[in-house]
Amino acid sequence: MHDNEASATAPLQSFILTLPGPEVPYFPILSPPQSVTMRSGLVTLQMGGSVGEHSTKDNEEILVILEGAGEVEAAGYGRRPVKAGQVVFIPPATVHNVYNTDAAPLRYVFIVARAV
């Protein structure tokens, strides 16, 4: 086996992280070099907060709502309510935003991967 073949098939280093409490607004979970194409993070929005309008560009994104309630607004889909226990899929090239409309913190994990 050639060196480049060995590195291409070598397993990625696994790890376990403990997520912080709601006092931390953003916590990176996964990004290169741990992952080849995926990024992930924990976002905590306080009452009235938003993550800010942004686009998935060439990626697709999943939001896993862990705590609280709010709304997700996505171009072509409108503004929809979300709450703990729900999962949201954001397609590629979609401008979107997440809002906390509740008194309690809204906490969610985002997972972004390159769309093929």
PDB file of N, CA and C in Angstrom:
ATOM      1  N   MET A   1       0.848  -1.183   0.000  1.00  0.00           N
ATOM      2  CA  MET A   1       0.000   0.000   0.000  1.00  0.00           C
ATOM      3  C   MET A   1       0.893   1.245   0.000  1.00  0.00           C
ATOM      4  N   HIS A   2       0.544   2.224  -0.808  1.00  0.00           N
ATOM      5  CA  HIS A   2       1.286   3.475  -0.858  1.00  0.00           C
ATOM      6  C   HIS A   2       0.928   4.339   0.340  1.00  0.00           C
ATOM      7  N   ASP A   3       1.821   5.289   0.668  1.00  0.00           N
ATOM      8  CA  ASP A   3       1.587   6.167   1.825  1.00  0.00           C
ATOM      9  C   ASP A   3       0.279   6.935   1.705  1.00  0.00           C
ATOM     10  N   ASN A   4      -0.024   7.457   0.515  1.00  0.00           N
ATOM     11  CA  ASN A   4      -1.259   8.232   0.364  1.00  0.00           C
ATOM     12  C   ASN A   4      -2.494   7.349   0.501  1.00  0.00           C
ATOM     13  N   GLU A   5      -2.399   6.062   0.112  1.00  0.00           N
ATOM     14  CA  GLU A   5      -3.522   5.149   0.307  1.00  0.00           C
ATOM     15  C   GLU A   5      -3.738   4.855   1.781  1.00  0.00           C
ATOM     16  N   ALA A   6      -2.647   4.708   2.523  1.00  0.00           N
ATOM     17  CA  ALA A   6      -2.758   4.426   3.958  1.00  0.00           C
ATOM     18  C   ALA A   6      -3.427   5.586   4.675  1.00  0.00           C
ATOM     19  N   SER A   7      -3.018   6.817   4.350  1.00  0.00           N
ATOM     20  CA  SER A   7      -3.608   7.964   5.040  1.00  0.00           C
ATOM     21  C   SER A   7      -5.068   8.161   4.644  1.00  0.00           C
ATOM     22  N   ALA A   8      -5.416   7.814   3.407  1.00  0.00           N
ATOM     23  CA  ALA A   8      -6.799   7.987   2.957  1.00  0.00           C
ATOM     24  C   ALA A   8      -7.743   6.996   3.628  1.00  0.00           C
ATOM     25  N   THR A   9      -7.225   5.835   4.023  1.00  0.00           N
ATOM     26  CA  THR A   9      -8.088   4.831   4.635  1.00  0.00           C
ATOM     27  C   THR A   9      -7.915   4.731   6.143  1.00  0.00           C
ATOM     28  N   ALA A  10      -7.000   5.506   6.709  1.00  0.00           N
ATOM     29  CA  ALA A  10      -6.788   5.465   8.160  1.00  0.00           C
ATOM     30  C   ALA A  10      -8.021   6.008   8.866  1.00  0.00           C
ATOM     31  N   PRO A  11      -8.428   5.385   9.974  1.00  0.00           N
ATOM     32  CA  PRO A  11      -9.609   5.878  10.692  1.00  0.00           C
ATOM     33  C   PRO A  11      -9.351   7.260  11.288  1.00  0.00           C
ATOM     34  N   LEU A  12     -10.387   8.069  11.290  1.00  0.00           N
ATOM     35  CA  LEU A  12     -10.291   9.382  11.920  1.00  0.00           C
ATOM     36  C   LEU A  12     -10.235   9.203  13.424  1.00  0.00           C
ATOM     37  N   GLN A  13      -9.509  10.078  14.067  1.00  0.00           N
ATOM     38  CA  GLN A  13      -9.404  10.004  15.525  1.00  0.00           C
ATOM     39  C   GLN A  13     -10.780  10.246  16.142  1.00  0.00           C
ATOM     40  N   SER A  14     -11.199   9.324  16.995  1.00  0.00           N
ATOM     41  CA  SER A  14     -12.489   9.501  17.671  1.00  0.00           C
ATOM     42  C   SER A  14     -12.277  10.287  18.953  1.00  0.00           C
ATOM     43  N   PHE A  15     -13.336  10.904  19.428  1.00  0.00           N
ATOM     44  CA  PHE A  15     -13.241  11.686  20.657  1.00  0.00           C
ATOM     45  C   PHE A  15     -14.613  11.833  21.277  1.00  0.00           C
ATOM     46  N   ILE A  16     -14.599  12.194  22.556  1.00  0.00           N
ATOM     47  CA  ILE A  16     -15.830  12.454  23.299  1.00  0.00           C
ATOM     48  C   ILE A  16     -15.695  13.833  23.917  1.00  0.00           C
ATOM     49  N   LEU A  17     -16.708  14.657  23.762  1.00  0.00           N
ATOM     50  CA  LEU A  17     -16.726  16.001  24.339  1.00  0.00           C
ATOM     51  C   LEU A  17     -17.890  16.128  25.308  1.00  0.00           C
ATOM     52  N   THR A  18     -17.693  16.924  26.336  1.00  0.00           N
ATOM     53  CA  THR A  18     -18.782  17.283  27.239  1.00  0.00           C
ATOM     54  C   THR A  18     -19.278  18.663  26.831  1.00  0.00           C
ATOM     55  N   LEU A  19     -20.559  18.772  26.558  1.00  0.00           N
ATOM     56  CA  LEU A  19     -21.121  20.053  26.139  1.00  0.00           C
ATOM     57  C   LEU A  19     -21.244  20.990  27.329  1.00  0.00           C
ATOM     58  N   PRO A  20     -20.976  22.285  27.122  1.00  0.00           N
ATOM     59  CA  PRO A  20     -21.096  23.257  28.209  1.00  0.00           C
ATOM     60  C   PRO A  20     -22.554  23.599  28.499  1.00  0.00           C
ATOM     61  N   GLY A  21     -22.767  24.338  29.557  1.00  0.00           N
ATOM     62  CA  GLY A  21     -24.097  24.786  29.943  1.00  0.00           C
ATOM     63  C   GLY A  21     -24.568  25.954  29.097  1.00  0.00           C
ATOM     64  N   PRO A  22     -25.770  26.453  29.375  1.00  0.00           N
ATOM     65  CA  PRO A  22     -26.379  27.509  28.562  1.00  0.00           C
ATOM     66  C   PRO A  22     -25.691  28.867  28.668  1.00  0.00           C
ATOM     67  N   GLU A  23     -24.721  29.003  29.564  1.00  0.00           N
ATOM     68  CA  GLU A  23     -24.000  30.273  29.674  1.00  0.00           C
ATOM     69  C   GLU A  23     -23.001  30.468  28.530  1.00  0.00           C
ATOM     70  N   VAL A  24     -22.703  29.411  27.780  1.00  0.00           N
ATOM     71  CA  VAL A  24     -21.759  29.485  26.658  1.00  0.00           C
ATOM     72  C   VAL A  24     -22.558  29.638  25.362  1.00  0.00           C
ATOM     73  N   PRO A  25     -22.419  30.787  24.657  1.00  0.00           N
ATOM     74  CA  PRO A  25     -23.237  31.019  23.468  1.00  0.00           C
ATOM     75  C   PRO A  25     -22.889  30.120  22.278  1.00  0.00           C
ATOM     76  N   TYR A  26     -21.606  29.766  22.121  1.00  0.00           N
ATOM     77  CA  TYR A  26     -21.199  28.916  20.998  1.00  0.00           C
ATOM     78  C   TYR A  26     -20.076  27.992  21.438  1.00  0.00           C
ATOM     79  N   PHE A  27     -20.208  26.721  21.065  1.00  0.00           N
ATOM     80  CA  PHE A  27     -19.192  25.725  21.396  1.00  0.00           C
ATOM     81  C   PHE A  27     -18.938  24.868  20.160  1.00  0.00           C
ATOM     82  N   PRO A  28     -17.717  24.944  19.577  1.00  0.00           N
ATOM     83  CA  PRO A  28     -17.430  24.111  18.410  1.00  0.00           C
ATOM     84  C   PRO A  28     -17.319  22.646  18.805  1.00  0.00           C
ATOM     85  N   ILE A  29     -17.981  21.775  18.070  1.00  0.00           N
ATOM     86  CA  ILE A  29     -17.943  20.341  18.349  1.00  0.00           C
ATOM     87  C   ILE A  29     -17.005  19.625  17.395  1.00  0.00           C
ATOM     88  N   LEU A  30     -17.144  19.890  16.103  1.00  0.00           N
ATOM     89  CA  LEU A  30     -16.393  19.134  15.108  1.00  0.00           C
ATOM     90  C   LEU A  30     -16.059  20.015  13.923  1.00  0.00           C
ATOM     91  N   SER A  31     -14.818  19.901  13.451  1.00  0.00           N
ATOM     92  CA  SER A  31     -14.382  20.591  12.242  1.00  0.00           C
ATOM     93  C   SER A  31     -13.083  19.931  11.787  1.00  0.00           C
ATOM     94  N   PRO A  32     -12.628  20.245  10.575  1.00  0.00           N
ATOM     95  CA  PRO A  32     -11.350  19.679  10.160  1.00  0.00           C
ATOM     96  C   PRO A  32     -10.263  20.067  11.172  1.00  0.00           C
ATOM     97  N   PRO A  33      -9.329  19.209  11.492  1.00  0.00           N
ATOM     98  CA  PRO A  33      -8.983  17.962  10.827  1.00  0.00           C
ATOM     99  C   PRO A  33      -9.699  16.727  11.386  1.00  0.00           C
ATOM    100  N   GLN A  34     -10.535  16.868  12.415  1.00  0.00           N
ATOM    101  CA  GLN A  34     -11.228  15.691  12.954  1.00  0.00           C
ATOM    102  C   GLN A  34     -12.167  15.076  11.930  1.00  0.00           C
ATOM    103  N   SER A  35     -12.751  15.887  11.078  1.00  0.00           N
ATOM    104  CA  SER A  35     -13.711  15.419  10.084  1.00  0.00           C
ATOM    105  C   SER A  35     -13.251  15.856   8.703  1.00  0.00           C
ATOM    106  N   VAL A  36     -13.590  15.085   7.706  1.00  0.00           N
ATOM    107  CA  VAL A  36     -13.197  15.406   6.341  1.00  0.00           C
ATOM    108  C   VAL A  36     -14.084  16.506   5.757  1.00  0.00           C
ATOM    109  N   THR A  37     -15.407  16.390   5.918  1.00  0.00           N
ATOM    110  CA  THR A  37     -16.314  17.362   5.291  1.00  0.00           C
ATOM    111  C   THR A  37     -17.337  17.964   6.240  1.00  0.00           C
ATOM    112  N   MET A  38     -17.369  17.529   7.486  1.00  0.00           N
ATOM    113  CA  MET A  38     -18.435  17.942   8.396  1.00  0.00           C
ATOM    114  C   MET A  38     -17.949  18.989   9.401  1.00  0.00           C
ATOM    115  N   ARG A  39     -18.866  19.893   9.756  1.00  0.00           N
ATOM    116  CA  ARG A  39     -18.653  20.823  10.867  1.00  0.00           C
ATOM    117  C   ARG A  39     -19.862  20.716  11.766  1.00  0.00           C
ATOM    118  N   SER A  40     -19.646  20.966  13.058  1.00  0.00           N
ATOM    119  CA  SER A  40     -20.751  20.896  14.004  1.00  0.00           C
ATOM    120  C   SER A  40     -20.457  21.799  15.186  1.00  0.00           C
ATOM    121  N   GLY A  41     -21.518  22.283  15.811  1.00  0.00           N
ATOM    122  CA  GLY A  41     -21.358  23.117  16.989  1.00  0.00           C
ATOM    123  C   GLY A  41     -22.647  23.180  17.788  1.00  0.00           C
ATOM    124  N   LEU A  42     -22.505  23.615  19.027  1.00  0.00           N
ATOM    125  CA  LEU A  42     -23.642  23.836  19.920  1.00  0.00           C
ATOM    126  C   LEU A  42     -23.877  25.332  20.004  1.00  0.00           C
ATOM    127  N   VAL A  43     -25.102  25.754  19.759  1.00  0.00           N
ATOM    128  CA  VAL A  43     -25.473  27.169  19.828  1.00  0.00           C
ATOM    129  C   VAL A  43     -26.497  27.341  20.938  1.00  0.00           C
ATOM    130  N   THR A  44     -26.294  28.371  21.763  1.00  0.00           N
ATOM    131  CA  THR A  44     -27.268  28.744  22.788  1.00  0.00           C
ATOM    132  C   THR A  44     -27.702  30.177  22.525  1.00  0.00           C
ATOM    133  N   LEU A  45     -28.989  30.371  22.283  1.00  0.00           N
ATOM    134  CA  LEU A  45     -29.549  31.705  22.076  1.00  0.00           C
ATOM    135  C   LEU A  45     -30.394  32.075  23.283  1.00  0.00           C
ATOM    136  N   GLN A  46     -30.146  33.241  23.828  1.00  0.00           N
ATOM    137  CA  GLN A  46     -30.951  33.742  24.937  1.00  0.00           C
ATOM    138  C   GLN A  46     -32.234  34.368  24.387  1.00  0.00           C
ATOM    139  N   MET A  47     -33.181  34.653  25.261  1.00  0.00           N
ATOM    140  CA  MET A  47     -34.474  35.216  24.873  1.00  0.00           C
ATOM    141  C   MET A  47     -34.291  36.406  23.924  1.00  0.00           C
ATOM    142  N   GLY A  48     -34.979  36.372  22.789  1.00  0.00           N
ATOM    143  CA  GLY A  48     -34.920  37.450  21.809  1.00  0.00           C
ATOM    144  C   GLY A  48     -33.723  37.388  20.880  1.00  0.00           C
ATOM    145  N   GLY A  49     -32.810  36.454  21.096  1.00  0.00           N
ATOM    146  CA  GLY A  49     -31.601  36.367  20.284  1.00  0.00           C
ATOM    147  C   GLY A  49     -31.819  35.623  18.976  1.00  0.00           C
ATOM    148  N   SER A  50     -30.896  35.847  18.050  1.00  0.00           N
ATOM    149  CA  SER A  50     -30.900  35.096  16.795  1.00  0.00           C
ATOM    150  C   SER A  50     -29.462  34.783  16.416  1.00  0.00           C
ATOM    151  N   VAL A  51     -29.292  33.782  15.585  1.00  0.00           N
ATOM    152  CA  VAL A  51     -27.951  33.396  15.153  1.00  0.00           C
ATOM    153  C   VAL A  51     -27.452  34.326  14.049  1.00  0.00           C
ATOM    154  N   GLY A  52     -28.350  34.993  13.364  1.00  0.00           N
ATOM    155  CA  GLY A  52     -27.986  35.879  12.259  1.00  0.00           C
ATOM    156  C   GLY A  52     -28.205  35.196  10.921  1.00  0.00           C
ATOM    157  N   GLU A  53     -28.742  35.930   9.979  1.00  0.00           N
ATOM    158  CA  GLU A  53     -29.037  35.377   8.660  1.00  0.00           C
ATOM    159  C   GLU A  53     -27.748  34.938   7.974  1.00  0.00           C
ATOM    160  N   HIS A  54     -27.755  33.726   7.441  1.00  0.00           N
ATOM    161  CA  HIS A  54     -26.604  33.184   6.722  1.00  0.00           C
ATOM    162  C   HIS A  54     -27.083  32.127   5.738  1.00  0.00           C
ATOM    163  N   SER A  55     -26.190  31.693   4.845  1.00  0.00           N
ATOM    164  CA  SER A  55     -26.551  30.721   3.814  1.00  0.00           C
ATOM    165  C   SER A  55     -25.793  29.412   4.009  1.00  0.00           C
ATOM    166  N   THR A  56     -26.430  28.330   3.634  1.00  0.00           N
ATOM    167  CA  THR A  56     -25.759  27.032   3.648  1.00  0.00           C
ATOM    168  C   THR A  56     -24.779  26.910   2.481  1.00  0.00           C
ATOM    169  N   LYS A  57     -24.887  27.760   1.491  1.00  0.00           N
ATOM    170  CA  LYS A  57     -24.035  27.747   0.294  1.00  0.00           C
ATOM    171  C   LYS A  57     -24.013  26.350  -0.321  1.00  0.00           C
ATOM    172  N   ASP A  58     -22.827  25.732  -0.416  1.00  0.00           N
ATOM    173  CA  ASP A  58     -22.688  24.403  -1.026  1.00  0.00           C
ATOM    174  C   ASP A  58     -22.875  23.278  -0.017  1.00  0.00           C
ATOM    175  N   ASN A  59     -23.422  23.595   1.136  1.00  0.00           N
ATOM    176  CA  ASN A  59     -23.590  22.605   2.201  1.00  0.00           C
ATOM    177  C   ASN A  59     -25.062  22.334   2.470  1.00  0.00           C
ATOM    178  N   GLU A  60     -25.322  21.253   3.181  1.00  0.00           N
ATOM    179  CA  GLU A  60     -26.641  21.014   3.758  1.00  0.00           C
ATOM    180  C   GLU A  60     -26.452  20.968   5.264  1.00  0.00           C
ATOM    181  N   GLU A  61     -27.520  21.270   5.997  1.00  0.00           N
ATOM    182  CA  GLU A  61     -27.395  21.443   7.442  1.00  0.00           C
ATOM    183  C   GLU A  61     -28.569  20.799   8.168  1.00  0.00           C
ATOM    184  N   ILE A  62     -28.259  20.237   9.316  1.00  0.00           N
ATOM    185  CA  ILE A  62     -29.281  19.707  10.214  1.00  0.00           C
ATOM    186  C   ILE A  62     -29.175  20.460  11.529  1.00  0.00           C
ATOM    187  N   LEU A  63     -30.320  20.842  12.088  1.00  0.00           N
ATOM    188  CA  LEU A  63     -30.390  21.444  13.415  1.00  0.00           C
ATOM    189  C   LEU A  63     -31.119  20.461  14.315  1.00  0.00           C
ATOM    190  N   VAL A  64     -30.516  20.124  15.445  1.00  0.00           N
ATOM    191  CA  VAL A  64     -31.145  19.245  16.431  1.00  0.00           C
ATOM    192  C   VAL A  64     -31.477  20.116  17.635  1.00  0.00           C
ATOM    193  N   ILE A  65     -32.758  20.375  17.858  1.00  0.00           N
ATOM    194  CA  ILE A  65     -33.182  21.266  18.935  1.00  0.00           C
ATOM    195  C   ILE A  65     -33.152  20.481  20.246  1.00  0.00           C
ATOM    196  N   LEU A  66     -32.284  20.908  21.167  1.00  0.00           N
ATOM    197  CA  LEU A  66     -32.096  20.202  22.438  1.00  0.00           C
ATOM    198  C   LEU A  66     -32.971  20.747  23.554  1.00  0.00           C
ATOM    199  N   GLU A  67     -33.052  22.080  23.642  1.00  0.00           N
ATOM    200  CA  GLU A  67     -33.799  22.727  24.729  1.00  0.00           C
ATOM    201  C   GLU A  67     -34.451  23.995  24.211  1.00  0.00           C
ATOM    202  N   GLY A  68     -35.565  24.355  24.823  1.00  0.00           N
ATOM    203  CA  GLY A  68     -36.215  25.620  24.525  1.00  0.00           C
ATOM    204  C   GLY A  68     -37.123  25.557  23.312  1.00  0.00           C
ATOM    205  N   ALA A  69     -37.490  26.750  22.851  1.00  0.00           N
ATOM    206  CA  ALA A  69     -38.383  26.887  21.701  1.00  0.00           C
ATOM    207  C   ALA A  69     -38.009  28.147  20.942  1.00  0.00           C
ATOM    208  N   GLY A  70     -38.337  28.157  19.668  1.00  0.00           N
ATOM    209  CA  GLY A  70     -38.030  29.316  18.854  1.00  0.00           C
ATOM    210  C   GLY A  70     -38.619  29.164  17.476  1.00  0.00           C
ATOM    211  N   GLU A  71     -37.973  29.811  16.515  1.00  0.00           N
ATOM    212  CA  GLU A  71     -38.421  29.750  15.131  1.00  0.00           C
ATOM    213  C   GLU A  71     -37.214  29.640  14.212  1.00  0.00           C
ATOM    214  N   VAL A  72     -37.409  28.916  13.119  1.00  0.00           N
ATOM    215  CA  VAL A  72     -36.413  28.847  12.051  1.00  0.00           C
ATOM    216  C   VAL A  72     -37.039  29.485  10.824  1.00  0.00           C
ATOM    217  N   GLU A  73     -36.333  30.433  10.247  1.00  0.00           N
ATOM    218  CA  GLU A  73     -36.781  31.075   9.014  1.00  0.00           C
ATOM    219  C   GLU A  73     -35.827  30.658   7.904  1.00  0.00           C
ATOM    220  N   ALA A  74     -36.378  30.158   6.798  1.00  0.00           N
ATOM    221  CA  ALA A  74     -35.564  29.727   5.666  1.00  0.00           C
ATOM    222  C   ALA A  74     -36.206  30.198   4.372  1.00  0.00           C
ATOM    223  N   ALA A  75     -35.382  30.727   3.465  1.00  0.00           N
ATOM    224  CA  ALA A  75     -35.881  31.216   2.184  1.00  0.00           C
ATOM    225  C   ALA A  75     -36.639  30.110   1.464  1.00  0.00           C
ATOM    226  N   GLY A  76     -37.858  30.424   1.052  1.00  0.00           N
ATOM    227  CA  GLY A  76     -38.698  29.466   0.353  1.00  0.00           C
ATOM    228  C   GLY A  76     -39.541  28.596   1.267  1.00  0.00           C
ATOM    229  N   TYR A  77     -39.287  28.670   2.577  1.00  0.00           N
ATOM    230  CA  TYR A  77     -40.017  27.837   3.538  1.00  0.00           C
ATOM    231  C   TYR A  77     -40.751  28.659   4.595  1.00  0.00           C
ATOM    232  N   GLY A  78     -40.456  29.953   4.668  1.00  0.00           N
ATOM    233  CA  GLY A  78     -41.089  30.802   5.664  1.00  0.00           C
ATOM    234  C   GLY A  78     -40.469  30.647   7.039  1.00  0.00           C
ATOM    235  N   ARG A  79     -41.223  31.126   8.025  1.00  0.00           N
ATOM    236  CA  ARG A  79     -40.768  31.101   9.421  1.00  0.00           C
ATOM    237  C   ARG A  79     -41.623  30.090  10.172  1.00  0.00           C
ATOM    238  N   ARG A  80     -40.980  29.079  10.750  1.00  0.00           N
ATOM    239  CA  ARG A  80     -41.706  27.977  11.392  1.00  0.00           C
ATOM    240  C   ARG A  80     -41.278  27.801  12.837  1.00  0.00           C
ATOM    241  N   PRO A  81     -42.221  27.459  13.730  1.00  0.00           N
ATOM    242  CA  PRO A  81     -41.871  27.218  15.133  1.00  0.00           C
ATOM    243  C   PRO A  81     -41.105  25.899  15.286  1.00  0.00           C
ATOM    244  N   VAL A  82     -40.162  25.894  16.238  1.00  0.00           N
ATOM    245  CA  VAL A  82     -39.414  24.678  16.587  1.00  0.00           C
ATOM    246  C   VAL A  82     -39.326  24.585  18.101  1.00  0.00           C
ATOM    247  N   LYS A  83     -39.139  23.352  18.592  1.00  0.00           N
ATOM    248  CA  LYS A  83     -39.010  23.152  20.037  1.00  0.00           C
ATOM    249  C   LYS A  83     -38.122  21.943  20.294  1.00  0.00           C
ATOM    250  N   ALA A  84     -37.757  21.763  21.557  1.00  0.00           N
ATOM    251  CA  ALA A  84     -36.903  20.648  21.959  1.00  0.00           C
ATOM    252  C   ALA A  84     -37.464  19.331  21.441  1.00  0.00           C
ATOM    253  N   GLY A  85     -36.568  18.487  20.946  1.00  0.00           N
ATOM    254  CA  GLY A  85     -36.965  17.189  20.425  1.00  0.00           C
ATOM    255  C   GLY A  85     -37.208  17.172  18.928  1.00  0.00           C
ATOM    256  N   GLN A  86     -37.112  18.326  18.275  1.00  0.00           N
ATOM    257  CA  GLN A  86     -37.336  18.385  16.830  1.00  0.00           C
ATOM    258  C   GLN A  86     -36.009  18.516  16.083  1.00  0.00           C
ATOM    259  N   VAL A  87     -36.039  18.094  14.818  1.00  0.00           N
ATOM    260  CA  VAL A  87     -34.882  18.175  13.930  1.00  0.00           C
ATOM    261  C   VAL A  87     -35.298  18.951  12.687  1.00  0.00           C
ATOM    262  N   VAL A  88     -34.428  19.853  12.232  1.00  0.00           N
ATOM    263  CA  VAL A  88     -34.705  20.692  11.064  1.00  0.00           C
ATOM    264  C   VAL A  88     -33.641  20.414  10.007  1.00  0.00           C
ATOM    265  N   PHE A  89     -34.052  20.234   8.759  1.00  0.00           N
ATOM    266  CA  PHE A  89     -33.126  20.078   7.639  1.00  0.00           C
ATOM    267  C   PHE A  89     -33.130  21.355   6.817  1.00  0.00           C
ATOM    268  N   ILE A  90     -31.937  21.893   6.543  1.00  0.00           N
ATOM    269  CA  ILE A  90     -31.789  23.087   5.712  1.00  0.00           C
ATOM    270  C   ILE A  90     -31.056  22.658   4.432  1.00  0.00           C
ATOM    271  N   PRO A  91     -31.695  22.762   3.260  1.00  0.00           N
ATOM    272  CA  PRO A  91     -31.061  22.343   2.002  1.00  0.00           C
ATOM    273  C   PRO A  91     -29.906  23.264   1.597  1.00  0.00           C
ATOM    274  N   PRO A  92     -29.098  22.838   0.632  1.00  0.00           N
ATOM    275  CA  PRO A  92     -28.021  23.689   0.125  1.00  0.00           C
ATOM    276  C   PRO A  92     -28.557  25.008  -0.439  1.00  0.00           C
ATOM    277  N   ALA A  93     -27.699  26.020  -0.432  1.00  0.00           N
ATOM    278  CA  ALA A  93     -27.998  27.338  -1.010  1.00  0.00           C
ATOM    279  C   ALA A  93     -29.258  27.962  -0.428  1.00  0.00           C
ATOM    280  N   THR A  94     -29.476  27.793   0.878  1.00  0.00           N
ATOM    281  CA  THR A  94     -30.669  28.333   1.531  1.00  0.00           C
ATOM    282  C   THR A  94     -30.271  29.355   2.594  1.00  0.00           C
ATOM    283  N   VAL A  95     -30.729  30.580   2.422  1.00  0.00           N
ATOM    284  CA  VAL A  95     -30.528  31.612   3.441  1.00  0.00           C
ATOM    285  C   VAL A  95     -31.490  31.314   4.580  1.00  0.00           C
ATOM    286  N   HIS A  96     -30.974  31.352   5.811  1.00  0.00           N
ATOM    287  CA  HIS A  96     -31.818  30.996   6.955  1.00  0.00           C
ATOM    288  C   HIS A  96     -31.338  31.704   8.218  1.00  0.00           C
ATOM    289  N   ASN A  97     -32.179  31.639   9.262  1.00  0.00           N
ATOM    290  CA  ASN A  97     -31.873  32.233  10.559  1.00  0.00           C
ATOM    291  C   ASN A  97     -32.632  31.439  11.619  1.00  0.00           C
ATOM    292  N   VAL A  98     -32.111  31.463  12.838  1.00  0.00           N
ATOM    293  CA  VAL A  98     -32.755  30.804  13.974  1.00  0.00           C
ATOM    294  C   VAL A  98     -32.997  31.866  15.038  1.00  0.00           C
ATOM    295  N   TYR A  99     -34.201  31.880  15.612  1.00  0.00           N
ATOM    296  CA  TYR A  99     -34.597  32.873  16.610  1.00  0.00           C
ATOM    297  C   TYR A  99     -35.049  32.178  17.890  1.00  0.00           C
ATOM    298  N   ASN A 100     -34.707  32.761  19.035  1.00  0.00           N
ATOM    299  CA  ASN A 100     -35.279  32.303  20.300  1.00  0.00           C
ATOM    300  C   ASN A 100     -36.470  33.194  20.614  1.00  0.00           C
ATOM    301  N   THR A 101     -37.654  32.620  20.631  1.00  0.00           N
ATOM    302  CA  THR A 101     -38.881  33.368  20.921  1.00  0.00           C
ATOM    303  C   THR A 101     -39.422  33.033  22.305  1.00  0.00           C
ATOM    304  N   ASP A 102     -38.633  32.317  23.100  1.00  0.00           N
ATOM    305  CA  ASP A 102     -39.060  31.837  24.410  1.00  0.00           C
ATOM    306  C   ASP A 102     -38.233  32.516  25.503  1.00  0.00           C
ATOM    307  N   ALA A 103     -38.697  32.457  26.738  1.00  0.00           N
ATOM    308  CA  ALA A 103     -37.956  33.029  27.868  1.00  0.00           C
ATOM    309  C   ALA A 103     -36.744  32.178  28.233  1.00  0.00           C
ATOM    310  N   ALA A 104     -36.828  30.875  28.012  1.00  0.00           N
ATOM    311  CA  ALA A 104     -35.717  29.968  28.329  1.00  0.00           C
ATOM    312  C   ALA A 104     -34.715  29.963  27.180  1.00  0.00           C
ATOM    313  N   PRO A 105     -33.452  29.633  27.454  1.00  0.00           N
ATOM    314  CA  PRO A 105     -32.468  29.530  26.371  1.00  0.00           C
ATOM    315  C   PRO A 105     -32.889  28.493  25.326  1.00  0.00           C
ATOM    316  N   LEU A 106     -32.614  28.802  24.069  1.00  0.00           N
ATOM    317  CA  LEU A 106     -32.800  27.860  22.964  1.00  0.00           C
ATOM    318  C   LEU A 106     -31.430  27.272  22.658  1.00  0.00           C
ATOM    319  N   ARG A 107     -31.312  25.948  22.809  1.00  0.00           N
ATOM    320  CA  ARG A 107     -30.028  25.271  22.574  1.00  0.00           C
ATOM    321  C   ARG A 107     -30.206  24.237  21.469  1.00  0.00           C
ATOM    322  N   TYR A 108     -29.297  24.296  20.495  1.00  0.00           N
ATOM    323  CA  TYR A 108     -29.365  23.330  19.402  1.00  0.00           C
ATOM    324  C   TYR A 108     -27.966  23.002  18.900  1.00  0.00           C
ATOM    325  N   VAL A 109     -27.845  21.823  18.338  1.00  0.00           N
ATOM    326  CA  VAL A 109     -26.619  21.398  17.676  1.00  0.00           C
ATOM    327  C   VAL A 109     -26.846  21.519  16.178  1.00  0.00           C
ATOM    328  N   PHE A 110     -25.892  22.149  15.482  1.00  0.00           N
ATOM    329  CA  PHE A 110     -25.947  22.167  14.021  1.00  0.00           C
ATOM    330  C   PHE A 110     -24.892  21.211  13.481  1.00  0.00           C
ATOM    331  N   ILE A 111     -25.232  20.575  12.373  1.00  0.00           N
ATOM    332  CA  ILE A 111     -24.315  19.676  11.682  1.00  0.00           C
ATOM    333  C   ILE A 111     -24.347  20.070  10.212  1.00  0.00           C
ATOM    334  N   VAL A 112     -23.197  20.465   9.682  1.00  0.00           N
ATOM    335  CA  VAL A 112     -23.082  20.933   8.308  1.00  0.00           C
ATOM    336  C   VAL A 112     -22.148  19.996   7.552  1.00  0.00           C
ATOM    337  N   ALA A 113     -22.562  19.574   6.361  1.00  0.00           N
ATOM    338  CA  ALA A 113     -21.718  18.729   5.514  1.00  0.00           C
ATOM    339  C   ALA A 113     -21.834  19.193   4.069  1.00  0.00           C
ATOM    340  N   ARG A 114     -20.772  19.000   3.326  1.00  0.00           N
ATOM    341  CA  ARG A 114     -20.752  19.365   1.915  1.00  0.00           C
ATOM    342  C   ARG A 114     -21.812  18.561   1.165  1.00  0.00           C
ATOM    343  N   ALA A 115     -22.620  19.258   0.374  1.00  0.00           N
ATOM    344  CA  ALA A 115     -23.628  18.576  -0.446  1.00  0.00           C
ATOM    345  C   ALA A 115     -22.931  18.025  -1.689  1.00  0.00           C
ATOM    346  N   VAL A 116     -23.270  16.827  -2.049  1.00  0.00           N
ATOM    347  CA  VAL A 116     -22.610  16.188  -3.202  1.00  0.00           C
ATOM    348  C   VAL A 116     -23.395  16.454  -4.457  1.00  0.00           C
TER     349      VAL A 116
END
